[in-house]
N, C-alpha and C. Protein backbone atom coordinates (compact mmCIF):
# COMPACT_ATOMS: atom_id res chain seq x y z
N MET A 1 0.84 -1.17 0.00
CA MET A 1 0.00 0.00 0.00
C MET A 1 0.88 1.23 0.00
N LEU A 2 0.57 2.13 -0.89
CA LEU A 2 1.36 3.34 -1.02
C LEU A 2 0.88 4.40 -0.05
N LEU A 3 1.81 5.06 0.55
CA LEU A 3 1.45 6.19 1.40
C LEU A 3 1.28 7.42 0.52
N GLN A 4 0.19 8.05 0.70
CA GLN A 4 -0.05 9.25 -0.09
C GLN A 4 0.47 10.45 0.67
N THR A 5 1.43 11.10 0.08
CA THR A 5 1.95 12.33 0.67
C THR A 5 1.73 13.43 -0.34
N SER A 6 1.38 14.56 0.14
CA SER A 6 1.14 15.66 -0.79
C SER A 6 2.46 16.27 -1.21
N MET A 7 2.51 16.71 -2.41
CA MET A 7 3.73 17.31 -2.94
C MET A 7 4.04 18.62 -2.24
N THR A 8 3.02 19.26 -1.67
CA THR A 8 3.27 20.54 -1.02
C THR A 8 4.09 20.37 0.25
N ALA A 9 4.16 19.18 0.76
CA ALA A 9 4.94 18.96 1.98
C ALA A 9 6.43 19.15 1.72
N PHE A 10 6.84 19.04 0.48
CA PHE A 10 8.26 19.14 0.15
C PHE A 10 8.66 20.52 -0.37
N LEU A 11 7.72 21.44 -0.39
CA LEU A 11 8.00 22.77 -0.92
C LEU A 11 8.59 23.67 0.16
N PRO A 12 9.37 24.66 -0.23
CA PRO A 12 9.89 25.61 0.75
C PRO A 12 8.78 26.53 1.25
N PRO A 13 9.01 27.20 2.36
CA PRO A 13 7.94 28.02 2.96
C PRO A 13 7.43 29.13 2.04
N ASN A 14 8.30 29.73 1.22
CA ASN A 14 7.81 30.81 0.37
C ASN A 14 6.82 30.29 -0.67
N LEU A 15 6.99 29.05 -1.12
CA LEU A 15 6.02 28.49 -2.06
C LEU A 15 4.80 27.92 -1.35
N LEU A 16 4.98 27.44 -0.13
CA LEU A 16 3.83 26.96 0.65
C LEU A 16 2.84 28.08 0.92
N SER A 17 3.36 29.29 1.07
CA SER A 17 2.46 30.41 1.35
C SER A 17 1.52 30.67 0.16
N LEU A 18 1.91 30.25 -1.04
CA LEU A 18 1.03 30.43 -2.20
C LEU A 18 -0.20 29.53 -2.13
N PHE A 19 -0.07 28.37 -1.44
CA PHE A 19 -1.18 27.43 -1.34
C PHE A 19 -1.99 27.60 -0.07
N ALA A 20 -1.65 28.56 0.76
CA ALA A 20 -2.37 28.77 2.02
C ALA A 20 -3.77 29.32 1.73
N ALA A 21 -4.71 28.93 2.56
CA ALA A 21 -6.09 29.39 2.39
C ALA A 21 -6.18 30.86 2.77
N ARG A 22 -6.96 31.57 2.01
CA ARG A 22 -7.15 33.00 2.28
C ARG A 22 -8.49 33.19 2.98
N PRO A 23 -8.63 34.32 3.67
CA PRO A 23 -9.92 34.57 4.33
C PRO A 23 -11.02 34.78 3.28
N PRO A 24 -12.25 34.44 3.62
CA PRO A 24 -13.34 34.61 2.65
C PRO A 24 -13.59 36.09 2.35
N VAL A 25 -14.15 36.34 1.19
CA VAL A 25 -14.47 37.70 0.77
C VAL A 25 -15.64 38.19 1.63
N PRO A 26 -15.52 39.35 2.25
CA PRO A 26 -16.62 39.83 3.09
C PRO A 26 -17.85 40.19 2.25
N TYR A 27 -19.01 39.93 2.81
CA TYR A 27 -20.26 40.23 2.13
C TYR A 27 -20.60 41.70 2.30
N LEU A 28 -20.92 42.34 1.20
CA LEU A 28 -21.38 43.72 1.23
C LEU A 28 -22.77 43.76 0.60
N PRO A 29 -23.72 44.37 1.27
CA PRO A 29 -25.06 44.44 0.68
C PRO A 29 -25.04 45.30 -0.58
N PRO A 30 -25.95 45.01 -1.51
CA PRO A 30 -25.97 45.79 -2.76
C PRO A 30 -26.31 47.26 -2.49
N VAL A 31 -25.73 48.12 -3.30
CA VAL A 31 -25.95 49.55 -3.15
C VAL A 31 -27.30 49.89 -3.75
N ASP A 32 -28.12 50.58 -3.00
CA ASP A 32 -29.44 50.97 -3.47
C ASP A 32 -29.38 52.43 -3.89
N GLU A 33 -29.29 52.66 -5.19
CA GLU A 33 -29.21 54.03 -5.69
C GLU A 33 -30.58 54.59 -6.00
N GLY A 34 -31.57 53.83 -5.80
CA GLY A 34 -32.91 54.27 -6.15
C GLY A 34 -33.19 54.00 -7.61
N LYS A 35 -34.40 54.19 -8.02
CA LYS A 35 -34.76 53.92 -9.40
C LYS A 35 -34.39 55.11 -10.26
N LYS A 36 -33.61 54.84 -11.32
CA LYS A 36 -33.22 55.90 -12.22
C LYS A 36 -34.35 56.19 -13.20
N ALA A 37 -34.51 57.46 -13.52
CA ALA A 37 -35.53 57.85 -14.49
C ALA A 37 -34.94 57.67 -15.89
N LEU A 38 -35.50 56.75 -16.64
CA LEU A 38 -35.04 56.49 -17.99
C LEU A 38 -35.93 57.21 -19.00
N PRO A 39 -35.39 57.61 -20.13
CA PRO A 39 -36.24 58.25 -21.13
C PRO A 39 -37.23 57.23 -21.69
N PRO A 40 -38.39 57.70 -22.10
CA PRO A 40 -39.38 56.76 -22.64
C PRO A 40 -38.89 56.18 -23.97
N TYR A 41 -39.39 54.99 -24.28
CA TYR A 41 -39.05 54.35 -25.54
C TYR A 41 -39.63 55.14 -26.70
N SER A 42 -38.85 55.20 -27.76
CA SER A 42 -39.36 55.87 -28.95
C SER A 42 -38.93 55.06 -30.17
N GLY A 43 -39.58 55.27 -31.26
CA GLY A 43 -39.26 54.54 -32.47
C GLY A 43 -38.29 55.31 -33.34
N LEU A 44 -38.16 54.87 -34.57
CA LEU A 44 -37.26 55.52 -35.51
C LEU A 44 -37.91 56.68 -36.24
N SER A 45 -39.18 56.86 -36.05
CA SER A 45 -39.87 57.89 -36.82
C SER A 45 -39.34 59.29 -36.51
N ALA A 46 -38.77 59.50 -35.35
CA ALA A 46 -38.24 60.81 -35.02
C ALA A 46 -36.95 61.10 -35.80
N TYR A 47 -36.29 60.08 -36.31
CA TYR A 47 -35.00 60.25 -36.98
C TYR A 47 -35.08 60.13 -38.50
N ILE A 48 -36.24 59.82 -39.04
CA ILE A 48 -36.37 59.62 -40.49
C ILE A 48 -36.05 60.90 -41.25
N SER A 49 -36.32 62.04 -40.68
CA SER A 49 -36.04 63.30 -41.38
C SER A 49 -34.54 63.51 -41.57
N GLN A 50 -33.69 62.84 -40.80
CA GLN A 50 -32.24 63.01 -40.91
C GLN A 50 -31.62 62.11 -41.98
N PHE A 51 -32.37 61.16 -42.50
CA PHE A 51 -31.86 60.29 -43.55
C PHE A 51 -31.99 60.97 -44.92
N GLU A 52 -31.18 60.49 -45.87
CA GLU A 52 -31.27 61.03 -47.23
C GLU A 52 -32.49 60.43 -47.92
N ASP A 53 -33.01 61.20 -48.85
CA ASP A 53 -34.12 60.72 -49.65
C ASP A 53 -33.57 59.73 -50.68
N PRO A 54 -34.04 58.48 -50.70
CA PRO A 54 -33.50 57.49 -51.63
C PRO A 54 -33.68 57.88 -53.09
N ALA A 55 -34.64 58.71 -53.40
CA ALA A 55 -34.87 59.10 -54.79
C ALA A 55 -33.79 60.05 -55.28
N THR A 56 -33.13 60.77 -54.38
CA THR A 56 -32.13 61.76 -54.79
C THR A 56 -30.70 61.25 -54.70
N VAL A 57 -30.49 60.05 -54.16
CA VAL A 57 -29.13 59.53 -53.99
C VAL A 57 -28.67 58.88 -55.28
N ASP A 58 -27.45 59.22 -55.72
CA ASP A 58 -26.85 58.59 -56.90
C ASP A 58 -25.97 57.45 -56.41
N TYR A 59 -26.49 56.24 -56.52
CA TYR A 59 -25.79 55.08 -55.97
C TYR A 59 -24.56 54.69 -56.78
N SER A 60 -24.43 55.19 -58.02
CA SER A 60 -23.24 54.87 -58.80
C SER A 60 -22.01 55.55 -58.19
N LYS A 61 -22.20 56.69 -57.53
CA LYS A 61 -21.08 57.37 -56.89
C LYS A 61 -20.77 56.77 -55.52
N VAL A 62 -21.78 56.21 -54.88
CA VAL A 62 -21.60 55.64 -53.55
C VAL A 62 -20.75 54.38 -53.62
N SER A 63 -21.09 53.49 -54.53
CA SER A 63 -20.33 52.25 -54.70
C SER A 63 -19.88 52.16 -56.15
N GLY A 64 -18.66 51.70 -56.32
CA GLY A 64 -18.09 51.60 -57.66
C GLY A 64 -18.72 50.46 -58.43
N PRO A 65 -18.25 50.26 -59.65
CA PRO A 65 -18.80 49.16 -60.46
C PRO A 65 -18.46 47.82 -59.83
N VAL A 66 -19.39 46.91 -59.92
CA VAL A 66 -19.21 45.59 -59.33
C VAL A 66 -18.44 44.70 -60.30
N GLU A 67 -17.44 44.00 -59.79
CA GLU A 67 -16.62 43.12 -60.61
C GLU A 67 -17.00 41.67 -60.31
N THR A 68 -17.39 40.93 -61.34
CA THR A 68 -17.78 39.54 -61.15
C THR A 68 -16.54 38.68 -60.96
N LYS A 69 -16.75 37.45 -60.53
CA LYS A 69 -15.63 36.52 -60.33
C LYS A 69 -14.89 36.26 -61.63
N GLU A 70 -15.64 36.10 -62.72
CA GLU A 70 -15.02 35.81 -64.00
C GLU A 70 -14.18 36.99 -64.48
N LYS A 71 -14.72 38.21 -64.35
CA LYS A 71 -13.98 39.39 -64.78
C LYS A 71 -12.73 39.59 -63.91
N ARG A 72 -12.86 39.33 -62.64
CA ARG A 72 -11.72 39.49 -61.73
C ARG A 72 -10.64 38.47 -62.07
N ALA A 73 -11.05 37.22 -62.33
CA ALA A 73 -10.08 36.19 -62.69
C ALA A 73 -9.38 36.54 -63.99
N ALA A 74 -10.12 37.05 -64.97
CA ALA A 74 -9.52 37.44 -66.24
C ALA A 74 -8.55 38.61 -66.05
N ARG A 75 -8.94 39.59 -65.24
CA ARG A 75 -8.07 40.74 -64.98
C ARG A 75 -6.79 40.32 -64.28
N LEU A 76 -6.92 39.45 -63.28
CA LEU A 76 -5.73 38.98 -62.56
C LEU A 76 -4.83 38.17 -63.47
N GLN A 77 -5.42 37.37 -64.36
CA GLN A 77 -4.64 36.58 -65.31
C GLN A 77 -3.85 37.50 -66.25
N GLN A 78 -4.51 38.56 -66.74
CA GLN A 78 -3.83 39.50 -67.62
C GLN A 78 -2.71 40.23 -66.89
N GLU A 79 -2.95 40.62 -65.65
CA GLU A 79 -1.91 41.30 -64.87
C GLU A 79 -0.73 40.36 -64.63
N HIS A 80 -1.03 39.11 -64.35
CA HIS A 80 0.04 38.14 -64.12
C HIS A 80 0.87 37.93 -65.38
N GLU A 81 0.19 37.82 -66.52
CA GLU A 81 0.89 37.64 -67.78
C GLU A 81 1.75 38.85 -68.11
N ALA A 82 1.23 40.06 -67.85
CA ALA A 82 2.00 41.28 -68.12
C ALA A 82 3.24 41.34 -67.23
N ARG A 83 3.11 40.96 -65.97
CA ARG A 83 4.27 40.94 -65.07
C ARG A 83 5.29 39.90 -65.53
N ALA A 84 4.80 38.75 -65.98
CA ALA A 84 5.70 37.69 -66.45
C ALA A 84 6.44 38.14 -67.71
N ARG A 85 5.73 38.79 -68.65
CA ARG A 85 6.38 39.29 -69.86
C ARG A 85 7.45 40.33 -69.52
N ALA A 86 7.15 41.21 -68.59
CA ALA A 86 8.12 42.24 -68.18
C ALA A 86 9.33 41.59 -67.53
N ARG A 87 9.10 40.57 -66.69
CA ARG A 87 10.21 39.90 -66.03
C ARG A 87 11.09 39.17 -67.04
N ILE A 88 10.47 38.52 -68.04
CA ILE A 88 11.22 37.80 -69.06
C ILE A 88 12.03 38.78 -69.91
N ALA A 89 11.41 39.91 -70.28
CA ALA A 89 12.12 40.91 -71.07
C ALA A 89 13.33 41.45 -70.30
N LYS A 90 13.17 41.65 -69.01
CA LYS A 90 14.27 42.14 -68.18
C LYS A 90 15.39 41.10 -68.12
N GLU A 91 15.03 39.83 -67.98
CA GLU A 91 16.04 38.77 -67.94
C GLU A 91 16.76 38.64 -69.29
N LEU A 92 16.01 38.84 -70.39
CA LEU A 92 16.62 38.75 -71.71
C LEU A 92 17.66 39.84 -71.91
N GLU A 93 17.38 41.03 -71.38
CA GLU A 93 18.35 42.11 -71.50
C GLU A 93 19.61 41.80 -70.71
N LYS A 94 19.47 41.14 -69.59
CA LYS A 94 20.62 40.84 -68.75
C LYS A 94 21.54 39.80 -69.40
N CYS A 95 20.95 38.80 -69.98
CA CYS A 95 21.77 37.70 -70.48
C CYS A 95 21.58 37.51 -71.98
N ALA A 96 21.80 38.56 -72.73
CA ALA A 96 21.61 38.48 -74.19
C ALA A 96 22.62 37.55 -74.83
N PHE A 97 23.84 37.54 -74.33
CA PHE A 97 24.87 36.70 -74.94
C PHE A 97 24.63 35.21 -74.69
N SER A 98 23.95 34.88 -73.61
CA SER A 98 23.72 33.48 -73.35
C SER A 98 22.62 32.90 -74.25
N LEU A 99 21.91 33.74 -74.96
CA LEU A 99 20.82 33.26 -75.82
C LEU A 99 21.24 33.10 -77.27
N LEU A 100 22.48 33.40 -77.58
CA LEU A 100 22.93 33.24 -78.95
C LEU A 100 22.94 31.76 -79.34
N ILE A 101 22.33 31.50 -80.45
CA ILE A 101 22.30 30.14 -80.93
C ILE A 101 23.17 30.08 -82.18
N ILE A 102 24.15 29.21 -82.17
CA ILE A 102 25.06 29.10 -83.30
C ILE A 102 24.68 27.85 -84.07
N ARG A 103 24.34 28.02 -85.34
CA ARG A 103 24.02 26.88 -86.19
C ARG A 103 25.18 26.62 -87.12
N VAL A 104 25.43 25.41 -87.30
CA VAL A 104 26.55 25.04 -88.19
C VAL A 104 26.01 24.63 -89.54
């Protein structure tokens, strides 16, 4: 039969103090501030005059043209190809002599 000893028995006093029981938190009764006067509930009708009239708003200026997935993919493909062509042209300028082909 194994004797059960707690690991805290082997700790130094400064660490044992971390496991010591603390006094309970004292009970304080809730603070009674009285009932606060809240403003009455109101709807949105008081604020409708502050919104813009939908008939006068030009939505084309608010949001730009919408790009579909297909158009975006095509645009990105073209941009990628243009970057690749520019990179290849730059590499060709660097190593022009290595591209000479000698036919016999």
